[in-house]
Amino acid sequence: MTRGTTINSEVYCRTLKKLKKDIQNKRRGLLSSGVMLLHDNARPHIAVRSGEVLRKFKWDVFQQPPYSPDLAPSDFYLFTAMKKWLGGQHFTDYEELKNAVTH
């Protein structure tokens, strides 16, 4: 996908079809055990066309509640990287920590 491409339902459906093909080629057993996706309420995710493709593929979709204060499960990997980066560092106050993380 080229930079600056607008993600609409057509682009999202094309991406889903490519994902299915890649899974078939690289991880054959995964399709038979089921595919689960986590969606928010972004327009490409809730479009009728996207829903039709997902039903055709028989993939399960779990909805991320809108405005949820929780991190999406797909963001959990960030903690390992942050833990490594912060490991062994000491901060005298909250502001120092905040500056280290945001700059």
PDB file of N, CA and C in Angstrom:
ATOM      1  N   MET A   1       0.847  -1.160   0.000  1.00  0.00           N
ATOM      2  CA  MET A   1       0.000   0.000   0.000  1.00  0.00           C
ATOM      3  C   MET A   1       0.902   1.234   0.000  1.00  0.00           C
ATOM      4  N   THR A   2       0.589   2.163  -0.832  1.00  0.00           N
ATOM      5  CA  THR A   2       1.411   3.366  -0.901  1.00  0.00           C
ATOM      6  C   THR A   2       1.041   4.336   0.210  1.00  0.00           C
ATOM      7  N   ARG A   3       2.027   5.085   0.630  1.00  0.00           N
ATOM      8  CA  ARG A   3       1.813   6.065   1.688  1.00  0.00           C
ATOM      9  C   ARG A   3       0.751   7.074   1.260  1.00  0.00           C
ATOM     10  N   GLY A   4      -0.110   7.427   2.184  1.00  0.00           N
ATOM     11  CA  GLY A   4      -1.154   8.401   1.907  1.00  0.00           C
ATOM     12  C   GLY A   4      -2.433   7.794   1.351  1.00  0.00           C
ATOM     13  N   THR A   5      -2.479   6.481   1.200  1.00  0.00           N
ATOM     14  CA  THR A   5      -3.682   5.820   0.704  1.00  0.00           C
ATOM     15  C   THR A   5      -4.797   5.944   1.736  1.00  0.00           C
ATOM     16  N   THR A   6      -5.953   6.381   1.297  1.00  0.00           N
ATOM     17  CA  THR A   6      -7.109   6.455   2.180  1.00  0.00           C
ATOM     18  C   THR A   6      -7.678   5.054   2.351  1.00  0.00           C
ATOM     19  N   ILE A   7      -7.880   4.666   3.601  1.00  0.00           N
ATOM     20  CA  ILE A   7      -8.427   3.341   3.876  1.00  0.00           C
ATOM     21  C   ILE A   7      -9.948   3.452   3.910  1.00  0.00           C
ATOM     22  N   ASN A   8     -10.574   2.979   2.853  1.00  0.00           N
ATOM     23  CA  ASN A   8     -12.030   2.903   2.815  1.00  0.00           C
ATOM     24  C   ASN A   8     -12.413   1.427   2.754  1.00  0.00           C
ATOM     25  N   SER A   9     -13.687   1.133   2.624  1.00  0.00           N
ATOM     26  CA  SER A   9     -14.096  -0.277   2.658  1.00  0.00           C
ATOM     27  C   SER A   9     -13.512  -1.063   1.491  1.00  0.00           C
ATOM     28  N   GLU A  10     -13.375  -0.435   0.336  1.00  0.00           N
ATOM     29  CA  GLU A  10     -12.804  -1.129  -0.826  1.00  0.00           C
ATOM     30  C   GLU A  10     -11.349  -1.532  -0.557  1.00  0.00           C
ATOM     31  N   VAL A  11     -10.565  -0.610  -0.044  1.00  0.00           N
ATOM     32  CA  VAL A  11      -9.159  -0.888   0.269  1.00  0.00           C
ATOM     33  C   VAL A  11      -9.073  -1.918   1.389  1.00  0.00           C
ATOM     34  N   TYR A  12      -9.933  -1.789   2.401  1.00  0.00           N
ATOM     35  CA  TYR A  12      -9.908  -2.730   3.522  1.00  0.00           C
ATOM     36  C   TYR A  12     -10.267  -4.142   3.055  1.00  0.00           C
ATOM     37  N   CYS A  13     -11.275  -4.269   2.201  1.00  0.00           N
ATOM     38  CA  CYS A  13     -11.664  -5.588   1.680  1.00  0.00           C
ATOM     39  C   CYS A  13     -10.534  -6.195   0.855  1.00  0.00           C
ATOM     40  N   ARG A  14      -9.873  -5.378   0.063  1.00  0.00           N
ATOM     41  CA  ARG A  14      -8.730  -5.858  -0.719  1.00  0.00           C
ATOM     42  C   ARG A  14      -7.624  -6.360   0.215  1.00  0.00           C
ATOM     43  N   THR A  15      -7.411  -5.641   1.316  1.00  0.00           N
ATOM     44  CA  THR A  15      -6.403  -6.043   2.302  1.00  0.00           C
ATOM     45  C   THR A  15      -6.791  -7.361   2.964  1.00  0.00           C
ATOM     46  N   LEU A  16      -8.075  -7.524   3.296  1.00  0.00           N
ATOM     47  CA  LEU A  16      -8.541  -8.782   3.889  1.00  0.00           C
ATOM     48  C   LEU A  16      -8.327  -9.956   2.934  1.00  0.00           C
ATOM     49  N   LYS A  17      -8.611  -9.743   1.660  1.00  0.00           N
ATOM     50  CA  LYS A  17      -8.428 -10.809   0.667  1.00  0.00           C
ATOM     51  C   LYS A  17      -6.951 -11.172   0.527  1.00  0.00           C
ATOM     52  N   LYS A  18      -6.087 -10.164   0.548  1.00  0.00           N
ATOM     53  CA  LYS A  18      -4.647 -10.422   0.486  1.00  0.00           C
ATOM     54  C   LYS A  18      -4.192 -11.161   1.742  1.00  0.00           C
ATOM     55  N   LEU A  19      -4.715 -10.767   2.897  1.00  0.00           N
ATOM     56  CA  LEU A  19      -4.372 -11.444   4.146  1.00  0.00           C
ATOM     57  C   LEU A  19      -4.768 -12.921   4.085  1.00  0.00           C
ATOM     58  N   LYS A  20      -5.967 -13.188   3.584  1.00  0.00           N
ATOM     59  CA  LYS A  20      -6.419 -14.582   3.485  1.00  0.00           C
ATOM     60  C   LYS A  20      -5.493 -15.384   2.575  1.00  0.00           C
ATOM     61  N   LYS A  21      -5.136 -14.803   1.445  1.00  0.00           N
ATOM     62  CA  LYS A  21      -4.240 -15.484   0.505  1.00  0.00           C
ATOM     63  C   LYS A  21      -2.875 -15.737   1.144  1.00  0.00           C
ATOM     64  N   ASP A  22      -2.346 -14.748   1.858  1.00  0.00           N
ATOM     65  CA  ASP A  22      -1.049 -14.908   2.528  1.00  0.00           C
ATOM     66  C   ASP A  22      -1.110 -15.983   3.609  1.00  0.00           C
ATOM     67  N   ILE A  23      -2.216 -16.024   4.349  1.00  0.00           N
ATOM     68  CA  ILE A  23      -2.371 -17.064   5.378  1.00  0.00           C
ATOM     69  C   ILE A  23      -2.420 -18.439   4.713  1.00  0.00           C
ATOM     70  N   GLN A  24      -3.148 -18.544   3.607  1.00  0.00           N
ATOM     71  CA  GLN A  24      -3.234 -19.826   2.892  1.00  0.00           C
ATOM     72  C   GLN A  24      -1.853 -20.282   2.425  1.00  0.00           C
ATOM     73  N   ASN A  25      -1.038 -19.348   1.972  1.00  0.00           N
ATOM     74  CA  ASN A  25       0.282 -19.692   1.444  1.00  0.00           C
ATOM     75  C   ASN A  25       1.312 -19.963   2.531  1.00  0.00           C
ATOM     76  N   LYS A  26       1.204 -19.277   3.647  1.00  0.00           N
ATOM     77  CA  LYS A  26       2.264 -19.352   4.659  1.00  0.00           C
ATOM     78  C   LYS A  26       1.875 -20.103   5.923  1.00  0.00           C
ATOM     79  N   ARG A  27       0.600 -20.080   6.289  1.00  0.00           N
ATOM     80  CA  ARG A  27       0.152 -20.680   7.555  1.00  0.00           C
ATOM     81  C   ARG A  27      -1.129 -21.465   7.331  1.00  0.00           C
ATOM     82  N   ARG A  28      -1.074 -22.465   6.501  1.00  0.00           N
ATOM     83  CA  ARG A  28      -2.270 -23.205   6.075  1.00  0.00           C
ATOM     84  C   ARG A  28      -3.204 -23.622   7.211  1.00  0.00           C
ATOM     85  N   GLY A  29      -2.665 -24.163   8.283  1.00  0.00           N
ATOM     86  CA  GLY A  29      -3.499 -24.650   9.376  1.00  0.00           C
ATOM     87  C   GLY A  29      -4.268 -23.564  10.098  1.00  0.00           C
ATOM     88  N   LEU A  30      -3.817 -22.334   9.987  1.00  0.00           N
ATOM     89  CA  LEU A  30      -4.458 -21.232  10.705  1.00  0.00           C
ATOM     90  C   LEU A  30      -5.893 -21.002  10.236  1.00  0.00           C
ATOM     91  N   LEU A  31      -6.126 -21.127   8.947  1.00  0.00           N
ATOM     92  CA  LEU A  31      -7.482 -20.894   8.442  1.00  0.00           C
ATOM     93  C   LEU A  31      -8.462 -21.940   8.941  1.00  0.00           C
ATOM     94  N   SER A  32      -8.016 -23.186   9.070  1.00  0.00           N
ATOM     95  CA  SER A  32      -8.931 -24.229   9.537  1.00  0.00           C
ATOM     96  C   SER A  32      -9.229 -24.098  11.029  1.00  0.00           C
ATOM     97  N   SER A  33      -8.292 -23.510  11.787  1.00  0.00           N
ATOM     98  CA  SER A  33      -8.542 -23.333  13.221  1.00  0.00           C
ATOM     99  C   SER A  33      -9.282 -22.034  13.507  1.00  0.00           C
ATOM    100  N   GLY A  34      -9.439 -21.188  12.516  1.00  0.00           N
ATOM    101  CA  GLY A  34     -10.216 -19.964  12.664  1.00  0.00           C
ATOM    102  C   GLY A  34      -9.357 -18.723  12.766  1.00  0.00           C
ATOM    103  N   VAL A  35      -9.867 -17.651  12.225  1.00  0.00           N
ATOM    104  CA  VAL A  35      -9.201 -16.354  12.273  1.00  0.00           C
ATOM    105  C   VAL A  35     -10.083 -15.424  13.080  1.00  0.00           C
ATOM    106  N   MET A  36      -9.474 -14.692  13.991  1.00  0.00           N
ATOM    107  CA  MET A  36     -10.205 -13.729  14.808  1.00  0.00           C
ATOM    108  C   MET A  36      -9.577 -12.356  14.618  1.00  0.00           C
ATOM    109  N   LEU A  37     -10.402 -11.367  14.394  1.00  0.00           N
ATOM    110  CA  LEU A  37      -9.940  -9.995  14.225  1.00  0.00           C
ATOM    111  C   LEU A  37     -10.527  -9.123  15.324  1.00  0.00           C
ATOM    112  N   LEU A  38      -9.780  -8.123  15.724  1.00  0.00           N
ATOM    113  CA  LEU A  38     -10.272  -7.136  16.681  1.00  0.00           C
ATOM    114  C   LEU A  38     -10.527  -5.850  15.914  1.00  0.00           C
ATOM    115  N   HIS A  39     -11.766  -5.378  15.944  1.00  0.00           N
ATOM    116  CA  HIS A  39     -12.142  -4.168  15.224  1.00  0.00           C
ATOM    117  C   HIS A  39     -12.608  -3.086  16.178  1.00  0.00           C
ATOM    118  N   ASP A  40     -12.343  -1.865  15.787  1.00  0.00           N
ATOM    119  CA  ASP A  40     -12.989  -0.740  16.452  1.00  0.00           C
ATOM    120  C   ASP A  40     -14.168  -0.345  15.558  1.00  0.00           C
ATOM    121  N   ASN A  41     -14.720   0.826  15.760  1.00  0.00           N
ATOM    122  CA  ASN A  41     -15.887   1.197  14.950  1.00  0.00           C
ATOM    123  C   ASN A  41     -15.514   2.124  13.791  1.00  0.00           C
ATOM    124  N   ALA A  42     -14.290   2.003  13.281  1.00  0.00           N
ATOM    125  CA  ALA A  42     -13.877   2.792  12.119  1.00  0.00           C
ATOM    126  C   ALA A  42     -14.741   2.410  10.914  1.00  0.00           C
ATOM    127  N   ARG A  43     -15.009   3.372  10.070  1.00  0.00           N
ATOM    128  CA  ARG A  43     -15.909   3.145   8.933  1.00  0.00           C
ATOM    129  C   ARG A  43     -15.549   1.930   8.069  1.00  0.00           C
ATOM    130  N   PRO A  44     -14.266   1.732   7.713  1.00  0.00           N
ATOM    131  CA  PRO A  44     -13.965   0.543   6.896  1.00  0.00           C
ATOM    132  C   PRO A  44     -14.307  -0.767   7.601  1.00  0.00           C
ATOM    133  N   HIS A  45     -14.230  -0.790   8.923  1.00  0.00           N
ATOM    134  CA  HIS A  45     -14.522  -2.013   9.679  1.00  0.00           C
ATOM    135  C   HIS A  45     -16.015  -2.308   9.745  1.00  0.00           C
ATOM    136  N   ILE A  46     -16.835  -1.269   9.777  1.00  0.00           N
ATOM    137  CA  ILE A  46     -18.277  -1.473   9.955  1.00  0.00           C
ATOM    138  C   ILE A  46     -19.061  -1.388   8.648  1.00  0.00           C
ATOM    139  N   ALA A  47     -18.371  -1.165   7.544  1.00  0.00           N
ATOM    140  CA  ALA A  47     -19.046  -1.058   6.248  1.00  0.00           C
ATOM    141  C   ALA A  47     -19.697  -2.390   5.874  1.00  0.00           C
ATOM    142  N   VAL A  48     -20.811  -2.305   5.193  1.00  0.00           N
ATOM    143  CA  VAL A  48     -21.553  -3.497   4.768  1.00  0.00           C
ATOM    144  C   VAL A  48     -20.655  -4.408   3.937  1.00  0.00           C
ATOM    145  N   ARG A  49     -19.923  -3.819   3.024  1.00  0.00           N
ATOM    146  CA  ARG A  49     -19.042  -4.595   2.139  1.00  0.00           C
ATOM    147  C   ARG A  49     -18.004  -5.383   2.942  1.00  0.00           C
ATOM    148  N   SER A  50     -17.412  -4.760   3.942  1.00  0.00           N
ATOM    149  CA  SER A  50     -16.420  -5.443   4.790  1.00  0.00           C
ATOM    150  C   SER A  50     -17.071  -6.600   5.534  1.00  0.00           C
ATOM    151  N   GLY A  51     -18.264  -6.365   6.052  1.00  0.00           N
ATOM    152  CA  GLY A  51     -18.993  -7.420   6.760  1.00  0.00           C
ATOM    153  C   GLY A  51     -19.281  -8.616   5.866  1.00  0.00           C
ATOM    154  N   GLU A  52     -19.624  -8.345   4.614  1.00  0.00           N
ATOM    155  CA  GLU A  52     -19.895  -9.434   3.668  1.00  0.00           C
ATOM    156  C   GLU A  52     -18.647 -10.285   3.436  1.00  0.00           C
ATOM    157  N   VAL A  53     -17.497  -9.624   3.266  1.00  0.00           N
ATOM    158  CA  VAL A  53     -16.240 -10.359   3.050  1.00  0.00           C
ATOM    159  C   VAL A  53     -15.908 -11.197   4.278  1.00  0.00           C
ATOM    160  N   LEU A  54     -16.048 -10.627   5.456  1.00  0.00           N
ATOM    161  CA  LEU A  54     -15.725 -11.353   6.688  1.00  0.00           C
ATOM    162  C   LEU A  54     -16.653 -12.549   6.897  1.00  0.00           C
ATOM    163  N   ARG A  55     -17.946 -12.383   6.594  1.00  0.00           N
ATOM    164  CA  ARG A  55     -18.886 -13.510   6.704  1.00  0.00           C
ATOM    165  C   ARG A  55     -18.542 -14.595   5.684  1.00  0.00           C
ATOM    166  N   LYS A  56     -18.182 -14.181   4.476  1.00  0.00           N
ATOM    167  CA  LYS A  56     -17.798 -15.140   3.431  1.00  0.00           C
ATOM    168  C   LYS A  56     -16.581 -15.955   3.876  1.00  0.00           C
ATOM    169  N   PHE A  57     -15.627 -15.305   4.522  1.00  0.00           N
ATOM    170  CA  PHE A  57     -14.417 -15.995   4.997  1.00  0.00           C
ATOM    171  C   PHE A  57     -14.677 -16.782   6.284  1.00  0.00           C
ATOM    172  N   LYS A  58     -15.822 -16.527   6.930  1.00  0.00           N
ATOM    173  CA  LYS A  58     -16.167 -17.154   8.217  1.00  0.00           C
ATOM    174  C   LYS A  58     -15.150 -16.808   9.302  1.00  0.00           C
ATOM    175  N   TRP A  59     -14.723 -15.558   9.285  1.00  0.00           N
ATOM    176  CA  TRP A  59     -13.790 -15.068  10.298  1.00  0.00           C
ATOM    177  C   TRP A  59     -14.581 -14.411  11.418  1.00  0.00           C
ATOM    178  N   ASP A  60     -14.142 -14.623  12.650  1.00  0.00           N
ATOM    179  CA  ASP A  60     -14.783 -14.008  13.813  1.00  0.00           C
ATOM    180  C   ASP A  60     -14.245 -12.596  14.010  1.00  0.00           C
ATOM    181  N   VAL A  61     -15.131 -11.711  14.404  1.00  0.00           N
ATOM    182  CA  VAL A  61     -14.739 -10.326  14.671  1.00  0.00           C
ATOM    183  C   VAL A  61     -15.163  -9.970  16.086  1.00  0.00           C
ATOM    184  N   PHE A  62     -14.225  -9.480  16.856  1.00  0.00           N
ATOM    185  CA  PHE A  62     -14.507  -8.978  18.194  1.00  0.00           C
ATOM    186  C   PHE A  62     -14.438  -7.467  18.140  1.00  0.00           C
ATOM    187  N   GLN A  63     -15.398  -6.831  18.774  1.00  0.00           N
ATOM    188  CA  GLN A  63     -15.459  -5.373  18.748  1.00  0.00           C
ATOM    189  C   GLN A  63     -14.713  -4.774  19.938  1.00  0.00           C
ATOM    190  N   GLN A  64     -13.847  -3.822  19.669  1.00  0.00           N
ATOM    191  CA  GLN A  64     -13.218  -3.030  20.723  1.00  0.00           C
ATOM    192  C   GLN A  64     -14.237  -1.963  21.104  1.00  0.00           C
ATOM    193  N   PRO A  65     -14.641  -1.888  22.368  1.00  0.00           N
ATOM    194  CA  PRO A  65     -15.644  -0.890  22.746  1.00  0.00           C
ATOM    195  C   PRO A  65     -15.165   0.523  22.415  1.00  0.00           C
ATOM    196  N   PRO A  66     -16.046   1.346  21.842  1.00  0.00           N
ATOM    197  CA  PRO A  66     -15.642   2.718  21.535  1.00  0.00           C
ATOM    198  C   PRO A  66     -15.322   3.481  22.814  1.00  0.00           C
ATOM    199  N   TYR A  67     -14.325   4.314  22.727  1.00  0.00           N
ATOM    200  CA  TYR A  67     -13.895   5.169  23.847  1.00  0.00           C
ATOM    201  C   TYR A  67     -13.464   4.365  25.067  1.00  0.00           C
ATOM    202  N   SER A  68     -13.008   3.147  24.854  1.00  0.00           N
ATOM    203  CA  SER A  68     -12.561   2.311  25.963  1.00  0.00           C
ATOM    204  C   SER A  68     -11.248   2.843  26.518  1.00  0.00           C
ATOM    205  N   PRO A  69     -11.124   2.930  27.848  1.00  0.00           N
ATOM    206  CA  PRO A  69      -9.860   3.398  28.428  1.00  0.00           C
ATOM    207  C   PRO A  69      -8.775   2.324  28.373  1.00  0.00           C
ATOM    208  N   ASP A  70      -9.164   1.095  28.043  1.00  0.00           N
ATOM    209  CA  ASP A  70      -8.201   0.000  27.974  1.00  0.00           C
ATOM    210  C   ASP A  70      -7.407   0.060  26.678  1.00  0.00           C
ATOM    211  N   LEU A  71      -6.184  -0.439  26.736  1.00  0.00           N
ATOM    212  CA  LEU A  71      -5.405  -0.592  25.518  1.00  0.00           C
ATOM    213  C   LEU A  71      -5.988  -1.728  24.696  1.00  0.00           C
ATOM    214  N   ALA A  72      -5.880  -1.595  23.409  1.00  0.00           N
ATOM    215  CA  ALA A  72      -6.255  -2.712  22.551  1.00  0.00           C
ATOM    216  C   ALA A  72      -5.233  -3.822  22.754  1.00  0.00           C
ATOM    217  N   PRO A  73      -5.674  -5.083  22.732  1.00  0.00           N
ATOM    218  CA  PRO A  73      -4.713  -6.183  22.904  1.00  0.00           C
ATOM    219  C   PRO A  73      -3.547  -6.116  21.929  1.00  0.00           C
ATOM    220  N   SER A  74      -3.765  -5.529  20.763  1.00  0.00           N
ATOM    221  CA  SER A  74      -2.672  -5.425  19.790  1.00  0.00           C
ATOM    222  C   SER A  74      -1.585  -4.457  20.238  1.00  0.00           C
ATOM    223  N   ASP A  75      -1.835  -3.658  21.271  1.00  0.00           N
ATOM    224  CA  ASP A  75      -0.834  -2.713  21.774  1.00  0.00           C
ATOM    225  C   ASP A  75       0.021  -3.287  22.899  1.00  0.00           C
ATOM    226  N   PHE A  76      -0.291  -4.487  23.368  1.00  0.00           N
ATOM    227  CA  PHE A  76       0.439  -5.043  24.508  1.00  0.00           C
ATOM    228  C   PHE A  76       1.922  -5.238  24.237  1.00  0.00           C
ATOM    229  N   TYR A  77       2.302  -5.483  22.991  1.00  0.00           N
ATOM    230  CA  TYR A  77       3.714  -5.682  22.680  1.00  0.00           C
ATOM    231  C   TYR A  77       4.543  -4.452  23.018  1.00  0.00           C
ATOM    232  N   LEU A  78       3.921  -3.305  23.072  1.00  0.00           N
ATOM    233  CA  LEU A  78       4.643  -2.065  23.371  1.00  0.00           C
ATOM    234  C   LEU A  78       5.269  -2.091  24.757  1.00  0.00           C
ATOM    235  N   PHE A  79       4.653  -2.809  25.696  1.00  0.00           N
ATOM    236  CA  PHE A  79       5.169  -2.812  27.058  1.00  0.00           C
ATOM    237  C   PHE A  79       6.547  -3.448  27.152  1.00  0.00           C
ATOM    238  N   THR A  80       6.801  -4.497  26.381  1.00  0.00           N
ATOM    239  CA  THR A  80       8.108  -5.148  26.414  1.00  0.00           C
ATOM    240  C   THR A  80       9.187  -4.186  25.948  1.00  0.00           C
ATOM    241  N   ALA A  81       8.944  -3.495  24.852  1.00  0.00           N
ATOM    242  CA  ALA A  81       9.927  -2.537  24.337  1.00  0.00           C
ATOM    243  C   ALA A  81      10.150  -1.405  25.333  1.00  0.00           C
ATOM    244  N   MET A  82       9.074  -0.907  25.927  1.00  0.00           N
ATOM    245  CA  MET A  82       9.208   0.181  26.886  1.00  0.00           C
ATOM    246  C   MET A  82       9.938  -0.290  28.139  1.00  0.00           C
ATOM    247  N   LYS A  83       9.641  -1.502  28.575  1.00  0.00           N
ATOM    248  CA  LYS A  83      10.294  -2.055  29.762  1.00  0.00           C
ATOM    249  C   LYS A  83      11.803  -2.174  29.532  1.00  0.00           C
ATOM    250  N   LYS A  84      12.200  -2.659  28.356  1.00  0.00           N
ATOM    251  CA  LYS A  84      13.628  -2.761  28.035  1.00  0.00           C
ATOM    252  C   LYS A  84      14.274  -1.380  28.016  1.00  0.00           C
ATOM    253  N   TRP A  85      13.606  -0.430  27.390  1.00  0.00           N
ATOM    254  CA  TRP A  85      14.154   0.914  27.256  1.00  0.00           C
ATOM    255  C   TRP A  85      14.279   1.596  28.618  1.00  0.00           C
ATOM    256  N   LEU A  86      13.296   1.399  29.483  1.00  0.00           N
ATOM    257  CA  LEU A  86      13.306   2.042  30.798  1.00  0.00           C
ATOM    258  C   LEU A  86      14.136   1.283  31.828  1.00  0.00           C
ATOM    259  N   GLY A  87      14.464   0.031  31.543  1.00  0.00           N
ATOM    260  CA  GLY A  87      15.177  -0.808  32.506  1.00  0.00           C
ATOM    261  C   GLY A  87      16.442  -0.158  33.044  1.00  0.00           C
ATOM    262  N   GLY A  88      16.557  -0.113  34.369  1.00  0.00           N
ATOM    263  CA  GLY A  88      17.750   0.427  35.016  1.00  0.00           C
ATOM    264  C   GLY A  88      17.785   1.938  35.127  1.00  0.00           C
ATOM    265  N   GLN A  89      16.844   2.623  34.511  1.00  0.00           N
ATOM    266  CA  GLN A  89      16.830   4.086  34.605  1.00  0.00           C
ATOM    267  C   GLN A  89      16.086   4.508  35.869  1.00  0.00           C
ATOM    268  N   HIS A  90      16.528   5.604  36.448  1.00  0.00           N
ATOM    269  CA  HIS A  90      15.883   6.136  37.652  1.00  0.00           C
ATOM    270  C   HIS A  90      15.499   7.586  37.395  1.00  0.00           C
ATOM    271  N   PHE A  91      14.328   7.942  37.847  1.00  0.00           N
ATOM    272  CA  PHE A  91      13.817   9.291  37.643  1.00  0.00           C
ATOM    273  C   PHE A  91      13.497   9.902  38.996  1.00  0.00           C
ATOM    274  N   THR A  92      13.826  11.172  39.143  1.00  0.00           N
ATOM    275  CA  THR A  92      13.621  11.832  40.433  1.00  0.00           C
ATOM    276  C   THR A  92      12.171  12.249  40.646  1.00  0.00           C
ATOM    277  N   ASP A  93      11.448  12.487  39.558  1.00  0.00           N
ATOM    278  CA  ASP A  93      10.042  12.877  39.701  1.00  0.00           C
ATOM    279  C   ASP A  93       9.273  12.535  38.424  1.00  0.00           C
ATOM    280  N   TYR A  94       7.990  12.750  38.486  1.00  0.00           N
ATOM    281  CA  TYR A  94       7.100  12.420  37.377  1.00  0.00           C
ATOM    282  C   TYR A  94       7.469  13.195  36.121  1.00  0.00           C
ATOM    283  N   GLU A  95       7.791  14.469  36.258  1.00  0.00           N
ATOM    284  CA  GLU A  95       8.129  15.307  35.105  1.00  0.00           C
ATOM    285  C   GLU A  95       9.341  14.763  34.359  1.00  0.00           C
ATOM    286  N   GLU A  96      10.341  14.303  35.103  1.00  0.00           N
ATOM    287  CA  GLU A  96      11.537  13.747  34.473  1.00  0.00           C
ATOM    288  C   GLU A  96      11.181  12.477  33.689  1.00  0.00           C
ATOM    289  N   LEU A  97      10.348  11.639  34.271  1.00  0.00           N
ATOM    290  CA  LEU A  97       9.893  10.430  33.584  1.00  0.00           C
ATOM    291  C   LEU A  97       9.100  10.795  32.331  1.00  0.00           C
ATOM    292  N   LYS A  98       8.181  11.727  32.478  1.00  0.00           N
ATOM    293  CA  LYS A  98       7.348  12.150  31.360  1.00  0.00           C
ATOM    294  C   LYS A  98       8.202  12.696  30.217  1.00  0.00           C
ATOM    295  N   ASN A  99       9.201  13.498  30.545  1.00  0.00           N
ATOM    296  CA  ASN A  99      10.085  14.047  29.517  1.00  0.00           C
ATOM    297  C   ASN A  99      10.887  12.955  28.820  1.00  0.00           C
ATOM    298  N   ALA A 100      11.334  11.965  29.567  1.00  0.00           N
ATOM    299  CA  ALA A 100      12.116  10.874  28.979  1.00  0.00           C
ATOM    300  C   ALA A 100      11.270  10.056  28.003  1.00  0.00           C
ATOM    301  N   VAL A 101      10.020   9.854  28.334  1.00  0.00           N
ATOM    302  CA  VAL A 101       9.148   9.019  27.510  1.00  0.00           C
ATOM    303  C   VAL A 101       8.629   9.771  26.290  1.00  0.00           C
ATOM    304  N   THR A 102       8.409  11.058  26.414  1.00  0.00           N
ATOM    305  CA  THR A 102       7.794  11.814  25.317  1.00  0.00           C
ATOM    306  C   THR A 102       8.792  12.500  24.399  1.00  0.00           C
ATOM    307  N   HIS A 103      10.068  12.504  24.729  1.00  0.00           N
ATOM    308  CA  HIS A 103      11.055  13.171  23.852  1.00  0.00           C
ATOM    309  C   HIS A 103      12.051  12.213  23.292  1.00  0.00           C
TER     310      HIS A 103
END
